[in-house]
Amino acid sequence: RLPFFHEQVNMWVYEETVTVDGQPRKLTEVINERHENVKYLPGIPLPENVVAVADLAEACKDATLLIFVLPHQFLPRLLPTIREAAHPSCRGVSLIKGIDFCKEEGTPILISQ
């Protein structure tokens, strides 16, 4: 491991209730205990150092690199919190697919516009 990387990797997870073993549970708790996202990636193990965090600001606090993997329509409401919490020199990698549409013209636009 490289000394300038943090051991823990925060993963923001929208908090939802899932049923596990017949019991309602918080998705973040299940991910952190089982190291598996039982709702969206069942059967795929997550590394032990990936920690599910329900609070977006906490998950992004002082981050210097963010990887975005979420539906594009959620990004505009999340960006103000991310901008406040992340390090000023933070970079982002987008794995987002999809486009948005101009309200006036109804034509497709890039998320960056």
Protein backbone atom coordinates (compact mmCIF):
# COMPACT_ATOMS: atom_id res chain seq x y z
CA ARG A 1 0.00 0.00 0.00
CA LEU A 2 1.11 3.52 -0.71
CA PRO A 3 1.64 5.71 2.37
CA PHE A 4 -0.24 8.74 1.03
CA PHE A 5 -3.54 6.87 0.52
CA HIS A 6 -6.09 6.41 3.27
CA GLU A 7 -6.88 2.87 4.28
CA GLN A 8 -10.64 3.51 4.55
CA VAL A 9 -12.69 4.25 1.43
CA ASN A 10 -16.01 5.95 2.16
CA MET A 11 -18.93 5.03 -0.07
CA TRP A 12 -21.98 7.27 0.15
CA VAL A 13 -25.13 5.15 0.23
CA TYR A 14 -28.63 6.55 0.13
CA GLU A 15 -30.09 5.13 3.33
CA GLU A 16 -32.86 2.66 2.70
CA THR A 17 -34.49 -0.06 4.72
CA VAL A 18 -33.94 -3.56 3.39
CA THR A 19 -35.24 -6.87 4.64
CA VAL A 20 -32.46 -9.23 5.62
CA ASP A 21 -33.17 -12.57 7.26
CA GLY A 22 -36.79 -11.47 7.67
CA GLN A 23 -35.82 -8.31 9.58
CA PRO A 24 -35.89 -4.64 8.43
CA ARG A 25 -32.36 -3.22 8.48
CA LYS A 26 -30.57 -0.05 7.37
CA LEU A 27 -28.75 -0.70 4.11
CA THR A 28 -25.55 0.95 5.37
CA GLU A 29 -25.44 -1.33 8.40
CA VAL A 30 -25.91 -4.41 6.26
CA ILE A 31 -23.19 -3.31 3.82
CA ASN A 32 -20.74 -2.61 6.65
CA GLU A 33 -21.44 -5.93 8.39
CA ARG A 34 -21.62 -8.22 5.36
CA HIS A 35 -19.38 -6.25 2.97
CA GLU A 36 -22.04 -6.70 0.31
CA ASN A 37 -24.67 -4.36 -1.10
CA VAL A 38 -27.53 -6.83 -0.80
CA LYS A 39 -29.96 -4.57 -2.65
CA TYR A 40 -28.02 -3.36 -5.69
CA LEU A 41 -25.06 -5.78 -5.95
CA PRO A 42 -26.20 -9.01 -4.32
CA GLY A 43 -23.55 -11.71 -4.27
CA ILE A 44 -20.69 -9.28 -5.07
CA PRO A 45 -18.25 -8.95 -2.17
CA LEU A 46 -16.94 -5.49 -1.30
CA PRO A 47 -13.46 -4.97 0.15
CA GLU A 48 -13.29 -4.72 3.94
CA ASN A 49 -11.94 -1.17 3.74
CA VAL A 50 -15.02 0.13 1.87
CA VAL A 51 -17.34 1.71 4.44
CA ALA A 52 -20.94 2.65 3.65
CA VAL A 53 -21.78 6.13 4.95
CA ALA A 54 -25.34 7.52 4.88
CA ASP A 55 -24.32 11.17 5.38
CA LEU A 56 -23.12 12.65 2.07
CA ALA A 57 -21.06 15.43 3.68
CA GLU A 58 -19.33 12.93 5.96
CA ALA A 59 -18.64 10.57 3.07
CA CYS A 60 -17.05 13.38 1.02
CA LYS A 61 -15.25 15.21 3.85
CA ASP A 62 -11.85 16.40 2.60
CA ALA A 63 -11.95 13.93 -0.31
CA THR A 64 -9.38 14.52 -3.02
CA LEU A 65 -10.94 12.02 -5.44
CA LEU A 66 -14.59 11.15 -5.94
CA ILE A 67 -16.01 8.48 -8.20
CA PHE A 68 -19.59 9.09 -9.27
CA VAL A 69 -21.78 6.05 -9.91
CA LEU A 70 -25.39 7.15 -9.60
CA PRO A 71 -28.29 8.15 -11.84
CA HIS A 72 -27.54 11.49 -13.47
CA GLN A 73 -30.77 13.12 -12.30
CA PHE A 74 -29.64 13.00 -8.64
CA LEU A 75 -26.38 14.86 -9.21
CA PRO A 76 -27.65 18.49 -9.29
CA ARG A 77 -29.15 18.31 -5.78
CA LEU A 78 -26.07 16.55 -4.36
CA LEU A 79 -23.38 18.82 -5.80
CA PRO A 80 -23.77 21.71 -3.31
CA THR A 81 -23.13 19.36 -0.37
CA ILE A 82 -20.23 17.70 -2.17
CA ARG A 83 -18.69 21.07 -3.06
CA GLU A 84 -18.81 22.18 0.59
CA ALA A 85 -17.40 18.95 2.01
CA ALA A 86 -14.74 17.85 -0.47
CA HIS A 87 -11.19 19.20 -0.55
CA PRO A 88 -10.86 22.30 -2.80
CA SER A 89 -8.56 20.41 -5.19
CA CYS A 90 -10.85 17.37 -5.38
CA ARG A 91 -11.16 15.63 -8.75
CA GLY A 92 -14.04 13.51 -9.94
CA VAL A 93 -14.36 10.46 -12.14
CA SER A 94 -17.78 9.99 -13.68
CA LEU A 95 -19.24 6.56 -14.37
CA ILE A 96 -22.66 8.16 -14.83
CA LYS A 97 -24.63 7.29 -17.90
CA GLY A 98 -27.57 9.14 -19.26
CA ILE A 99 -28.46 12.58 -20.48
CA ASP A 100 -30.72 15.39 -19.41
CA PHE A 101 -33.04 17.51 -21.52
CA CYS A 102 -33.29 21.27 -21.99
CA LYS A 103 -36.61 22.40 -20.45
CA GLU A 104 -37.13 25.13 -23.03
CA GLU A 105 -36.25 23.21 -26.20
CA GLY A 106 -36.70 19.58 -25.14
CA THR A 107 -33.36 18.72 -26.70
CA PRO A 108 -30.71 16.52 -25.07
CA ILE A 109 -27.93 18.29 -23.15
CA LEU A 110 -24.78 17.09 -21.49
CA ILE A 111 -24.71 17.09 -17.70
CA SER A 112 -21.73 19.47 -17.88
CA GLN A 113 -23.79 22.20 -19.58
